[in-house]
Amino acid sequence: MKKGIYAFLLIAGVVAFGVWWFGTQEEAAVVPMRGEKLKVVASGYVPYDLARSIGGDKIELSQLIPAGTEPHHFEPTPGDIIKVNHSDVFVYVCAELEPWTQDILKGLPYVVSVESAPLLEGEDPHVWMTPYGALSMAQTIAQALIEKDPQNKAYYRQNLKNFEKEIQVLHSAFKLGLANCQSREMIHIGHLAFGALAQDYGLNLHALTGTSHQSEHSVRKLADLVKLIKKHQVRAVFTEEMLSPDLANTVSLETGVFVLPLYTVHGVSKEDFSAQKTYLDFMRQNLTNLQKGLQCQAQ
């Protein structure tokens, strides 16, 4: 009889220990140990910089898409997948823009995955190209950081509040800076990444291709843009920082316009990455170039 009781107590003790052990392991997987930084991996530069703005010195941040790489053509390596698996939070833009993330998301039991700009099918994935679109993404990222690291909730919320103030200033600068321009025809020799920005600030966007660099342009489409430039006496066309300048230079030779860069921010050069240029820096430069190209009067 006593042996049966001892056996029962032994089994009960083992079960209780197992429940305690796995419970603490799961808790450790959800909440970082005090003093440890939250490990955050971002897909590209936009979620990277937004996470940096919100997470500050409470997170250990890295980016999957190497600086200087065209983000639309990126394919993760086995090392990238391991890096995400060893993180606490994985932040990406959306499946529409980054279809490769869907393979990484399979089998991440303890990693919080954050789709910072979920879209309906057919919507423009370049949500961050308007200030309040970027703020919406930052809010989603902040919520995920708080979920994973609640002990630093006040810190993340304060950083989000600071970022929101900067976004309000940026929006006001765009609204005033693009209010009085000689031309509102925004000719973009690139893909359709600036649709939301043009709509928000009353510009007429004409882009060479669709929302992806994989979209093919045609000779007819290029000829139509040249006609449009001549018809409206457009002084400048815009191209992207990571796109070959050949087509834009061809249009420039044909029409006499000058070429100005616009920054999509999702992919940046190695130099800009090393200089730690921010989303806000790039958007201010976009505004300066739009004002110059569209001949806007300062308010």
C-alpha atoms as a PDB file:
ATOM      1  CA  MET A   1       0.000   0.000   0.000  1.00  0.00           C
ATOM      2  CA  LYS A   2       2.774   2.413   1.009  1.00  0.00           C
ATOM      3  CA  LYS A   3       4.668   1.573  -2.182  1.00  0.00           C
ATOM      4  CA  GLY A   4       1.581   2.521  -4.200  1.00  0.00           C
ATOM      5  CA  ILE A   5       1.289   5.829  -2.377  1.00  0.00           C
ATOM      6  CA  TYR A   6       4.992   6.562  -2.862  1.00  0.00           C
ATOM      7  CA  ALA A   7       4.704   5.734  -6.561  1.00  0.00           C
ATOM      8  CA  PHE A   8       1.675   7.985  -6.892  1.00  0.00           C
ATOM      9  CA  LEU A   9       3.451  10.865  -5.131  1.00  0.00           C
ATOM     10  CA  LEU A  10       6.538  10.381  -7.309  1.00  0.00           C
ATOM     11  CA  ILE A  11       4.490  10.493 -10.508  1.00  0.00           C
ATOM     12  CA  ALA A  12       2.531  13.512  -9.281  1.00  0.00           C
ATOM     13  CA  GLY A  13       5.789  15.282  -8.445  1.00  0.00           C
ATOM     14  CA  VAL A  14       7.238  14.588 -11.906  1.00  0.00           C
ATOM     15  CA  VAL A  15       4.054  15.856 -13.573  1.00  0.00           C
ATOM     16  CA  ALA A  16       4.028  19.000 -11.418  1.00  0.00           C
ATOM     17  CA  PHE A  17       7.700  19.640 -12.219  1.00  0.00           C
ATOM     18  CA  GLY A  18       6.989  19.175 -15.917  1.00  0.00           C
ATOM     19  CA  VAL A  19       4.106  21.643 -15.842  1.00  0.00           C
ATOM     20  CA  TRP A  20       6.291  24.160 -13.989  1.00  0.00           C
ATOM     21  CA  TRP A  21       9.260  23.634 -16.332  1.00  0.00           C
ATOM     22  CA  PHE A  22       7.356  24.017 -19.586  1.00  0.00           C
ATOM     23  CA  GLY A  23       5.363  26.910 -18.167  1.00  0.00           C
ATOM     24  CA  THR A  24       8.528  28.817 -17.309  1.00  0.00           C
ATOM     25  CA  GLN A  25      10.055  27.979 -20.676  1.00  0.00           C
ATOM     26  CA  GLU A  26       6.998  29.294 -22.500  1.00  0.00           C
ATOM     27  CA  GLU A  27       6.982  32.409 -20.325  1.00  0.00           C
ATOM     28  CA  ALA A  28      10.678  32.963 -21.056  1.00  0.00           C
ATOM     29  CA  ALA A  29       9.906  32.650 -24.750  1.00  0.00           C
ATOM     30  CA  VAL A  30       7.190  35.295 -24.500  1.00  0.00           C
ATOM     31  CA  VAL A  31       8.854  37.834 -22.194  1.00  0.00           C
ATOM     32  CA  PRO A  32      12.601  38.603 -22.337  1.00  0.00           C
ATOM     33  CA  MET A  33      14.609  38.295 -19.123  1.00  0.00           C
ATOM     34  CA  ARG A  34      15.086  41.564 -17.251  1.00  0.00           C
ATOM     35  CA  GLY A  35      18.075  43.417 -18.691  1.00  0.00           C
ATOM     36  CA  GLU A  36      17.965  41.556 -22.004  1.00  0.00           C
ATOM     37  CA  LYS A  37      17.059  43.450 -25.156  1.00  0.00           C
ATOM     38  CA  LEU A  38      14.178  42.332 -27.305  1.00  0.00           C
ATOM     39  CA  LYS A  39      15.521  40.746 -30.518  1.00  0.00           C
ATOM     40  CA  VAL A  40      13.719  42.321 -33.474  1.00  0.00           C
ATOM     41  CA  VAL A  41      14.255  41.407 -37.132  1.00  0.00           C
ATOM     42  CA  ALA A  42      12.781  43.641 -39.861  1.00  0.00           C
ATOM     43  CA  SER A  43      12.269  42.698 -43.492  1.00  0.00           C
ATOM     44  CA  GLY A  44      13.347  45.960 -45.146  1.00  0.00           C
ATOM     45  CA  TYR A  45      14.336  49.497 -44.288  1.00  0.00           C
ATOM     46  CA  VAL A  46      10.879  50.951 -43.651  1.00  0.00           C
ATOM     47  CA  PRO A  47       9.918  48.502 -40.863  1.00  0.00           C
ATOM     48  CA  TYR A  48      13.549  48.606 -39.692  1.00  0.00           C
ATOM     49  CA  ASP A  49      13.541  52.366 -39.228  1.00  0.00           C
ATOM     50  CA  LEU A  50      10.052  52.475 -37.712  1.00  0.00           C
ATOM     51  CA  ALA A  51      11.013  49.733 -35.245  1.00  0.00           C
ATOM     52  CA  ARG A  52      14.178  51.699 -34.433  1.00  0.00           C
ATOM     53  CA  SER A  53      12.089  54.822 -33.735  1.00  0.00           C
ATOM     54  CA  ILE A  54       9.755  52.961 -31.372  1.00  0.00           C
ATOM     55  CA  GLY A  55      12.106  50.385 -29.853  1.00  0.00           C
ATOM     56  CA  GLY A  56      15.115  52.656 -29.306  1.00  0.00           C
ATOM     57  CA  ASP A  57      17.736  51.189 -26.998  1.00  0.00           C
ATOM     58  CA  LYS A  58      15.363  48.538 -25.633  1.00  0.00           C
ATOM     59  CA  ILE A  59      15.680  46.360 -28.722  1.00  0.00           C
ATOM     60  CA  GLU A  60      18.435  44.579 -30.643  1.00  0.00           C
ATOM     61  CA  LEU A  61      17.511  45.310 -34.248  1.00  0.00           C
ATOM     62  CA  SER A  62      18.608  43.800 -37.556  1.00  0.00           C
ATOM     63  CA  GLN A  63      17.396  43.837 -41.155  1.00  0.00           C
ATOM     64  CA  LEU A  64      17.065  40.928 -43.590  1.00  0.00           C
ATOM     65  CA  ILE A  65      17.272  42.705 -46.956  1.00  0.00           C
ATOM     66  CA  PRO A  66      20.892  43.868 -47.321  1.00  0.00           C
ATOM     67  CA  ALA A  67      21.485  47.559 -47.970  1.00  0.00           C
ATOM     68  CA  GLY A  68      21.928  48.263 -51.667  1.00  0.00           C
ATOM     69  CA  THR A  69      19.707  45.325 -52.670  1.00  0.00           C
ATOM     70  CA  GLU A  70      16.556  45.755 -54.758  1.00  0.00           C
ATOM     71  CA  PRO A  71      13.849  44.669 -52.263  1.00  0.00           C
ATOM     72  CA  HIS A  72      11.404  43.386 -54.895  1.00  0.00           C
ATOM     73  CA  HIS A  73      13.926  40.747 -55.993  1.00  0.00           C
ATOM     74  CA  PHE A  74      15.014  39.584 -52.533  1.00  0.00           C
ATOM     75  CA  GLU A  75      14.958  35.895 -51.619  1.00  0.00           C
ATOM     76  CA  PRO A  76      15.810  34.845 -48.034  1.00  0.00           C
ATOM     77  CA  THR A  77      18.730  32.510 -47.380  1.00  0.00           C
ATOM     78  CA  PRO A  78      18.682  29.641 -44.846  1.00  0.00           C
ATOM     79  CA  GLY A  79      20.677  31.953 -42.572  1.00  0.00           C
ATOM     80  CA  ASP A  80      17.926  34.574 -42.809  1.00  0.00           C
ATOM     81  CA  ILE A  81      15.322  32.010 -41.790  1.00  0.00           C
ATOM     82  CA  ILE A  82      17.432  30.957 -38.800  1.00  0.00           C
ATOM     83  CA  LYS A  83      17.858  34.611 -37.780  1.00  0.00           C
ATOM     84  CA  VAL A  84      14.081  35.127 -37.775  1.00  0.00           C
ATOM     85  CA  ASN A  85      13.541  31.911 -35.810  1.00  0.00           C
ATOM     86  CA  HIS A  86      15.936  33.133 -33.129  1.00  0.00           C
ATOM     87  CA  SER A  87      14.222  36.536 -32.814  1.00  0.00           C
ATOM     88  CA  ASP A  88      11.439  37.696 -30.513  1.00  0.00           C
ATOM     89  CA  VAL A  89       9.649  39.844 -33.080  1.00  0.00           C
ATOM     90  CA  PHE A  90       9.665  39.715 -36.886  1.00  0.00           C
ATOM     91  CA  VAL A  91       8.337  42.868 -38.592  1.00  0.00           C
ATOM     92  CA  TYR A  92       7.480  43.065 -42.282  1.00  0.00           C
ATOM     93  CA  VAL A  93       5.305  45.281 -44.464  1.00  0.00           C
ATOM     94  CA  CYS A  94       2.780  42.922 -46.037  1.00  0.00           C
ATOM     95  CA  ALA A  95       2.447  39.710 -48.004  1.00  0.00           C
ATOM     96  CA  GLU A  96       1.548  41.668 -51.145  1.00  0.00           C
ATOM     97  CA  LEU A  97       4.886  43.484 -51.208  1.00  0.00           C
ATOM     98  CA  GLU A  98       6.999  40.706 -49.666  1.00  0.00           C
ATOM     99  CA  PRO A  99       5.534  37.324 -50.696  1.00  0.00           C
ATOM    100  CA  TRP A 100       8.722  35.563 -49.527  1.00  0.00           C
ATOM    101  CA  THR A 101       7.784  36.286 -45.911  1.00  0.00           C
ATOM    102  CA  GLN A 102       4.987  33.722 -46.049  1.00  0.00           C
ATOM    103  CA  ASP A 103       7.461  30.831 -46.161  1.00  0.00           C
ATOM    104  CA  ILE A 104       9.388  32.254 -43.197  1.00  0.00           C
ATOM    105  CA  LEU A 105       6.219  32.608 -41.137  1.00  0.00           C
ATOM    106  CA  LYS A 106       5.628  28.858 -41.136  1.00  0.00           C
ATOM    107  CA  GLY A 107       6.797  27.350 -37.862  1.00  0.00           C
ATOM    108  CA  LEU A 108       7.494  30.368 -35.639  1.00  0.00           C
ATOM    109  CA  PRO A 109       5.975  29.192 -32.329  1.00  0.00           C
ATOM    110  CA  TYR A 110       7.459  31.872 -30.067  1.00  0.00           C
ATOM    111  CA  VAL A 111       8.136  34.700 -32.519  1.00  0.00           C
ATOM    112  CA  VAL A 112       5.610  37.518 -32.767  1.00  0.00           C
ATOM    113  CA  SER A 113       5.202  38.172 -36.500  1.00  0.00           C
ATOM    114  CA  VAL A 114       3.948  41.645 -37.372  1.00  0.00           C
ATOM    115  CA  GLU A 115       2.375  42.488 -40.728  1.00  0.00           C
ATOM    116  CA  SER A 116       2.630  46.230 -40.244  1.00  0.00           C
ATOM    117  CA  ALA A 117       0.521  47.212 -43.275  1.00  0.00           C
ATOM    118  CA  PRO A 118      -2.081  44.498 -43.994  1.00  0.00           C
ATOM    119  CA  LEU A 119      -3.956  45.170 -47.232  1.00  0.00           C
ATOM    120  CA  LEU A 120      -6.975  44.100 -49.152  1.00  0.00           C
ATOM    121  CA  GLU A 121      -6.209  42.405 -52.467  1.00  0.00           C
ATOM    122  CA  GLY A 122      -5.280  44.918 -55.150  1.00  0.00           C
ATOM    123  CA  GLU A 123      -4.464  47.804 -52.783  1.00  0.00           C
ATOM    124  CA  ASP A 124      -1.228  49.759 -53.187  1.00  0.00           C
ATOM    125  CA  PRO A 125       1.298  48.200 -50.764  1.00  0.00           C
ATOM    126  CA  HIS A 126       3.411  51.374 -50.475  1.00  0.00           C
ATOM    127  CA  VAL A 127       1.450  52.519 -47.433  1.00  0.00           C
ATOM    128  CA  TRP A 128       4.353  54.416 -45.852  1.00  0.00           C
ATOM    129  CA  MET A 129       4.640  56.864 -48.747  1.00  0.00           C
ATOM    130  CA  THR A 130       2.235  59.142 -46.902  1.00  0.00           C
ATOM    131  CA  PRO A 131       3.107  60.331 -43.375  1.00  0.00           C
ATOM    132  CA  TYR A 132      -0.022  58.952 -41.727  1.00  0.00           C
ATOM    133  CA  GLY A 133       0.438  55.628 -43.494  1.00  0.00           C
ATOM    134  CA  ALA A 134       3.843  55.359 -41.818  1.00  0.00           C
ATOM    135  CA  LEU A 135       2.290  56.312 -38.490  1.00  0.00           C
ATOM    136  CA  SER A 136      -0.244  53.508 -38.813  1.00  0.00           C
ATOM    137  CA  MET A 137       2.617  51.052 -39.362  1.00  0.00           C
ATOM    138  CA  ALA A 138       4.492  52.456 -36.355  1.00  0.00           C
ATOM    139  CA  GLN A 139       1.401  52.006 -34.187  1.00  0.00           C
ATOM    140  CA  THR A 140       1.151  48.348 -35.207  1.00  0.00           C
ATOM    141  CA  ILE A 141       4.853  47.805 -34.443  1.00  0.00           C
ATOM    142  CA  ALA A 142       4.533  49.515 -31.056  1.00  0.00           C
ATOM    143  CA  GLN A 143       1.620  47.257 -30.142  1.00  0.00           C
ATOM    144  CA  ALA A 144       3.705  44.166 -30.972  1.00  0.00           C
ATOM    145  CA  LEU A 145       6.698  45.364 -28.934  1.00  0.00           C
ATOM    146  CA  ILE A 146       4.431  46.023 -25.956  1.00  0.00           C
ATOM    147  CA  GLU A 147       2.851  42.588 -26.327  1.00  0.00           C
ATOM    148  CA  LYS A 148       6.232  40.895 -26.269  1.00  0.00           C
ATOM    149  CA  ASP A 149       7.903  43.204 -23.743  1.00  0.00           C
ATOM    150  CA  PRO A 150       5.214  44.669 -21.451  1.00  0.00           C
ATOM    151  CA  GLN A 151       7.748  45.763 -18.811  1.00  0.00           C
ATOM    152  CA  ASN A 152       8.881  48.546 -21.201  1.00  0.00           C
ATOM    153  CA  LYS A 153       5.363  49.552 -22.264  1.00  0.00           C
ATOM    154  CA  ALA A 154       5.690  53.169 -21.095  1.00  0.00           C
ATOM    155  CA  TYR A 155       8.969  53.591 -23.007  1.00  0.00           C
ATOM    156  CA  TYR A 156       7.504  52.304 -26.288  1.00  0.00           C
ATOM    157  CA  ARG A 157       4.383  54.430 -25.895  1.00  0.00           C
ATOM    158  CA  GLN A 158       6.413  57.585 -25.298  1.00  0.00           C
ATOM    159  CA  ASN A 159       8.539  56.914 -28.397  1.00  0.00           C
ATOM    160  CA  LEU A 160       5.368  56.387 -30.419  1.00  0.00           C
ATOM    161  CA  LYS A 161       3.988  59.683 -29.141  1.00  0.00           C
ATOM    162  CA  ASN A 162       7.216  61.449 -30.143  1.00  0.00           C
ATOM    163  CA  PHE A 163       7.079  59.882 -33.607  1.00  0.00           C
ATOM    164  CA  GLU A 164       3.451  60.948 -34.028  1.00  0.00           C
ATOM    165  CA  LYS A 165       4.436  64.579 -33.392  1.00  0.00           C
ATOM    166  CA  GLU A 166       7.146  64.340 -36.062  1.00  0.00           C
ATOM    167  CA  ILE A 167       4.630  62.850 -38.490  1.00  0.00           C
ATOM    168  CA  GLN A 168       2.247  65.748 -37.895  1.00  0.00           C
ATOM    169  CA  VAL A 169       5.050  68.206 -38.696  1.00  0.00           C
ATOM    170  CA  LEU A 170       5.959  66.242 -41.846  1.00  0.00           C
ATOM    171  CA  HIS A 171       2.350  66.175 -43.055  1.00  0.00           C
ATOM    172  CA  SER A 172       2.025  69.943 -42.538  1.00  0.00           C
ATOM    173  CA  ALA A 173       5.267  70.501 -44.481  1.00  0.00           C
ATOM    174  CA  PHE A 174       3.949  68.474 -47.445  1.00  0.00           C
ATOM    175  CA  LYS A 175       0.545  70.151 -47.371  1.00  0.00           C
ATOM    176  CA  LEU A 176       1.992  73.664 -47.339  1.00  0.00           C
ATOM    177  CA  GLY A 177       4.997  72.882 -49.524  1.00  0.00           C
ATOM    178  CA  LEU A 178       2.926  71.420 -52.375  1.00  0.00           C
ATOM    179  CA  ALA A 179      -0.029  73.805 -52.145  1.00  0.00           C
ATOM    180  CA  ASN A 180       1.161  76.347 -54.717  1.00  0.00           C
ATOM    181  CA  CYS A 181       3.050  74.770 -57.635  1.00  0.00           C
ATOM    182  CA  GLN A 182       3.315  75.779 -61.293  1.00  0.00           C
ATOM    183  CA  SER A 183       2.746  72.166 -62.291  1.00  0.00           C
ATOM    184  CA  ARG A 184       0.819  69.354 -60.624  1.00  0.00           C
ATOM    185  CA  GLU A 185       1.854  66.733 -63.188  1.00  0.00           C
ATOM    186  CA  MET A 186       4.154  64.279 -61.414  1.00  0.00           C
ATOM    187  CA  ILE A 187       5.902  62.237 -64.121  1.00  0.00           C
ATOM    188  CA  HIS A 188       7.580  59.227 -62.533  1.00  0.00           C
ATOM    189  CA  ILE A 189       9.921  57.073 -64.624  1.00  0.00           C
ATOM    190  CA  GLY A 190       9.560  54.139 -62.281  1.00  0.00           C
ATOM    191  CA  HIS A 191       6.944  51.948 -60.638  1.00  0.00           C
ATOM    192  CA  LEU A 192       3.700  53.159 -59.091  1.00  0.00           C
ATOM    193  CA  ALA A 193       4.971  53.672 -55.537  1.00  0.00           C
ATOM    194  CA  PHE A 194       3.776  57.242 -55.022  1.00  0.00           C
ATOM    195  CA  GLY A 195       0.064  56.938 -55.737  1.00  0.00           C
ATOM    196  CA  ALA A 196      -1.098  57.587 -52.173  1.00  0.00           C
ATOM    197  CA  LEU A 197       1.276  60.528 -51.769  1.00  0.00           C
ATOM    198  CA  ALA A 198       0.047  62.127 -55.009  1.00  0.00           C
ATOM    199  CA  GLN A 199      -3.591  61.626 -54.016  1.00  0.00           C
ATOM    200  CA  ASP A 200      -3.132  63.066 -50.517  1.00  0.00           C
ATOM    201  CA  TYR A 201      -1.447  66.239 -51.763  1.00  0.00           C
ATOM    202  CA  GLY A 202      -3.373  66.880 -54.974  1.00  0.00           C
ATOM    203  CA  LEU A 203      -0.807  65.803 -57.576  1.00  0.00           C
ATOM    204  CA  ASN A 204      -1.513  64.021 -60.869  1.00  0.00           C
ATOM    205  CA  LEU A 205       0.767  60.984 -60.929  1.00  0.00           C
ATOM    206  CA  HIS A 206       1.842  59.382 -64.214  1.00  0.00           C
ATOM    207  CA  ALA A 207       4.085  56.359 -63.651  1.00  0.00           C
ATOM    208  CA  LEU A 208       5.812  54.186 -66.219  1.00  0.00           C
ATOM    209  CA  THR A 209       4.920  50.835 -64.603  1.00  0.00           C
ATOM    210  CA  GLY A 210       2.593  49.336 -61.995  1.00  0.00           C
ATOM    211  CA  THR A 211       3.123  48.840 -58.262  1.00  0.00           C
ATOM    212  CA  SER A 212       6.026  46.416 -58.713  1.00  0.00           C
ATOM    213  CA  HIS A 213       9.374  46.614 -60.473  1.00  0.00           C
ATOM    214  CA  GLN A 214       8.374  43.342 -62.138  1.00  0.00           C
ATOM    215  CA  SER A 215       5.689  45.244 -64.055  1.00  0.00           C
ATOM    216  CA  GLU A 216       6.844  45.749 -67.615  1.00  0.00           C
ATOM    217  CA  HIS A 217       6.794  49.128 -69.275  1.00  0.00           C
ATOM    218  CA  SER A 218       6.096  49.493 -72.981  1.00  0.00           C
ATOM    219  CA  VAL A 219       7.530  51.709 -75.698  1.00  0.00           C
ATOM    220  CA  ARG A 220       4.018  53.086 -76.191  1.00  0.00           C
ATOM    221  CA  LYS A 221       3.713  53.987 -72.511  1.00  0.00           C
ATOM    222  CA  LEU A 222       7.061  55.754 -72.635  1.00  0.00           C
ATOM    223  CA  ALA A 223       5.990  57.653 -75.771  1.00  0.00           C
ATOM    224  CA  ASP A 224       2.754  58.685 -74.035  1.00  0.00           C
ATOM    225  CA  LEU A 225       4.735  60.130 -71.131  1.00  0.00           C
ATOM    226  CA  VAL A 226       6.927  62.096 -73.549  1.00  0.00           C
ATOM    227  CA  LYS A 227       3.781  63.552 -75.174  1.00  0.00           C
ATOM    228  CA  LEU A 228       2.410  64.449 -71.753  1.00  0.00           C
ATOM    229  CA  ILE A 229       5.650  66.209 -70.812  1.00  0.00           C
ATOM    230  CA  LYS A 230       5.556  68.314 -73.973  1.00  0.00           C
ATOM    231  CA  LYS A 231       1.831  69.063 -73.678  1.00  0.00           C
ATOM    232  CA  HIS A 232       2.059  70.343 -70.097  1.00  0.00           C
ATOM    233  CA  GLN A 233       5.541  71.847 -70.517  1.00  0.00           C
ATOM    234  CA  VAL A 234       6.781  69.803 -67.606  1.00  0.00           C
ATOM    235  CA  ARG A 235      10.179  70.935 -66.344  1.00  0.00           C
ATOM    236  CA  ALA A 236      11.290  67.783 -64.467  1.00  0.00           C
ATOM    237  CA  VAL A 237      10.663  64.060 -64.204  1.00  0.00           C
ATOM    238  CA  PHE A 238      11.288  61.834 -61.222  1.00  0.00           C
ATOM    239  CA  THR A 239      12.994  58.483 -60.882  1.00  0.00           C
ATOM    240  CA  GLU A 240      13.865  56.135 -58.017  1.00  0.00           C
ATOM    241  CA  GLU A 241      17.059  56.016 -56.037  1.00  0.00           C
ATOM    242  CA  MET A 242      17.676  52.313 -56.748  1.00  0.00           C
ATOM    243  CA  LEU A 243      16.512  52.237 -60.355  1.00  0.00           C
ATOM    244  CA  SER A 244      18.781  52.418 -63.393  1.00  0.00           C
ATOM    245  CA  PRO A 245      18.791  56.024 -64.659  1.00  0.00           C
ATOM    246  CA  ASP A 246      18.888  54.971 -68.329  1.00  0.00           C
ATOM    247  CA  LEU A 247      15.178  55.433 -69.095  1.00  0.00           C
ATOM    248  CA  ALA A 248      14.938  58.728 -67.234  1.00  0.00           C
ATOM    249  CA  ASN A 249      18.029  59.995 -69.046  1.00  0.00           C
ATOM    250  CA  THR A 250      16.487  58.981 -72.377  1.00  0.00           C
ATOM    251  CA  VAL A 251      13.354  60.988 -71.563  1.00  0.00           C
ATOM    252  CA  SER A 252      15.534  63.908 -70.483  1.00  0.00           C
ATOM    253  CA  LEU A 253      17.426  63.914 -73.793  1.00  0.00           C
ATOM    254  CA  GLU A 254      14.166  63.701 -75.725  1.00  0.00           C
ATOM    255  CA  THR A 255      12.343  66.489 -73.899  1.00  0.00           C
ATOM    256  CA  GLY A 256      14.955  68.661 -72.192  1.00  0.00           C
ATOM    257  CA  VAL A 257      13.606  68.021 -68.689  1.00  0.00           C
ATOM    258  CA  PHE A 258      15.892  67.492 -65.727  1.00  0.00           C
ATOM    259  CA  VAL A 259      15.751  64.365 -63.566  1.00  0.00           C
ATOM    260  CA  LEU A 260      15.259  64.279 -59.792  1.00  0.00           C
ATOM    261  CA  PRO A 261      15.291  61.253 -57.494  1.00  0.00           C
ATOM    262  CA  LEU A 262      12.469  60.170 -55.208  1.00  0.00           C
ATOM    263  CA  TYR A 263      13.047  57.725 -52.373  1.00  0.00           C
ATOM    264  CA  THR A 264      10.755  54.764 -51.796  1.00  0.00           C
ATOM    265  CA  VAL A 265      12.737  54.054 -48.578  1.00  0.00           C
ATOM    266  CA  HIS A 266      12.002  50.298 -48.533  1.00  0.00           C
ATOM    267  CA  GLY A 267      15.432  49.703 -50.030  1.00  0.00           C
ATOM    268  CA  VAL A 268      18.333  52.079 -49.424  1.00  0.00           C
ATOM    269  CA  SER A 269      21.965  52.353 -50.495  1.00  0.00           C
ATOM    270  CA  LYS A 270      24.812  51.105 -48.337  1.00  0.00           C
ATOM    271  CA  GLU A 271      25.928  54.695 -47.788  1.00  0.00           C
ATOM    272  CA  ASP A 272      22.509  55.817 -46.570  1.00  0.00           C
ATOM    273  CA  PHE A 273      22.207  52.753 -44.338  1.00  0.00           C
ATOM    274  CA  SER A 274      25.613  53.434 -42.768  1.00  0.00           C
ATOM    275  CA  ALA A 275      24.654  57.076 -42.247  1.00  0.00           C
ATOM    276  CA  GLN A 276      21.480  55.877 -40.444  1.00  0.00           C
ATOM    277  CA  LYS A 277      19.230  58.099 -42.501  1.00  0.00           C
ATOM    278  CA  THR A 278      15.672  57.880 -41.269  1.00  0.00           C
ATOM    279  CA  TYR A 279      12.288  57.588 -42.925  1.00  0.00           C
ATOM    280  CA  LEU A 280      11.717  61.237 -42.002  1.00  0.00           C
ATOM    281  CA  ASP A 281      15.026  62.248 -43.635  1.00  0.00           C
ATOM    282  CA  PHE A 282      14.072  60.559 -46.910  1.00  0.00           C
ATOM    283  CA  MET A 283      10.566  62.016 -46.936  1.00  0.00           C
ATOM    284  CA  ARG A 284      11.905  65.532 -46.353  1.00  0.00           C
ATOM    285  CA  GLN A 285      14.252  65.013 -49.305  1.00  0.00           C
ATOM    286  CA  ASN A 286      11.290  63.809 -51.395  1.00  0.00           C
ATOM    287  CA  LEU A 287       9.433  66.998 -50.541  1.00  0.00           C
ATOM    288  CA  THR A 288      12.426  69.163 -51.486  1.00  0.00           C
ATOM    289  CA  ASN A 289      12.766  67.410 -54.855  1.00  0.00           C
ATOM    290  CA  LEU A 290       9.024  67.578 -55.566  1.00  0.00           C
ATOM    291  CA  GLN A 291       9.017  71.295 -54.815  1.00  0.00           C
ATOM    292  CA  LYS A 292      11.981  71.831 -57.110  1.00  0.00           C
ATOM    293  CA  GLY A 293      10.600  69.697 -59.942  1.00  0.00           C
ATOM    294  CA  LEU A 294       7.052  71.072 -59.778  1.00  0.00           C
ATOM    295  CA  GLN A 295       8.265  74.657 -59.208  1.00  0.00           C
ATOM    296  CA  CYS A 296       6.395  75.202 -55.973  1.00  0.00           C
ATOM    297  CA  GLN A 297       6.281  78.510 -54.139  1.00  0.00           C
ATOM    298  CA  ALA A 298       7.231  78.482 -50.450  1.00  0.00           C
ATOM    299  CA  GLN A 299       4.343  79.273 -48.118  1.00  0.00           C
END
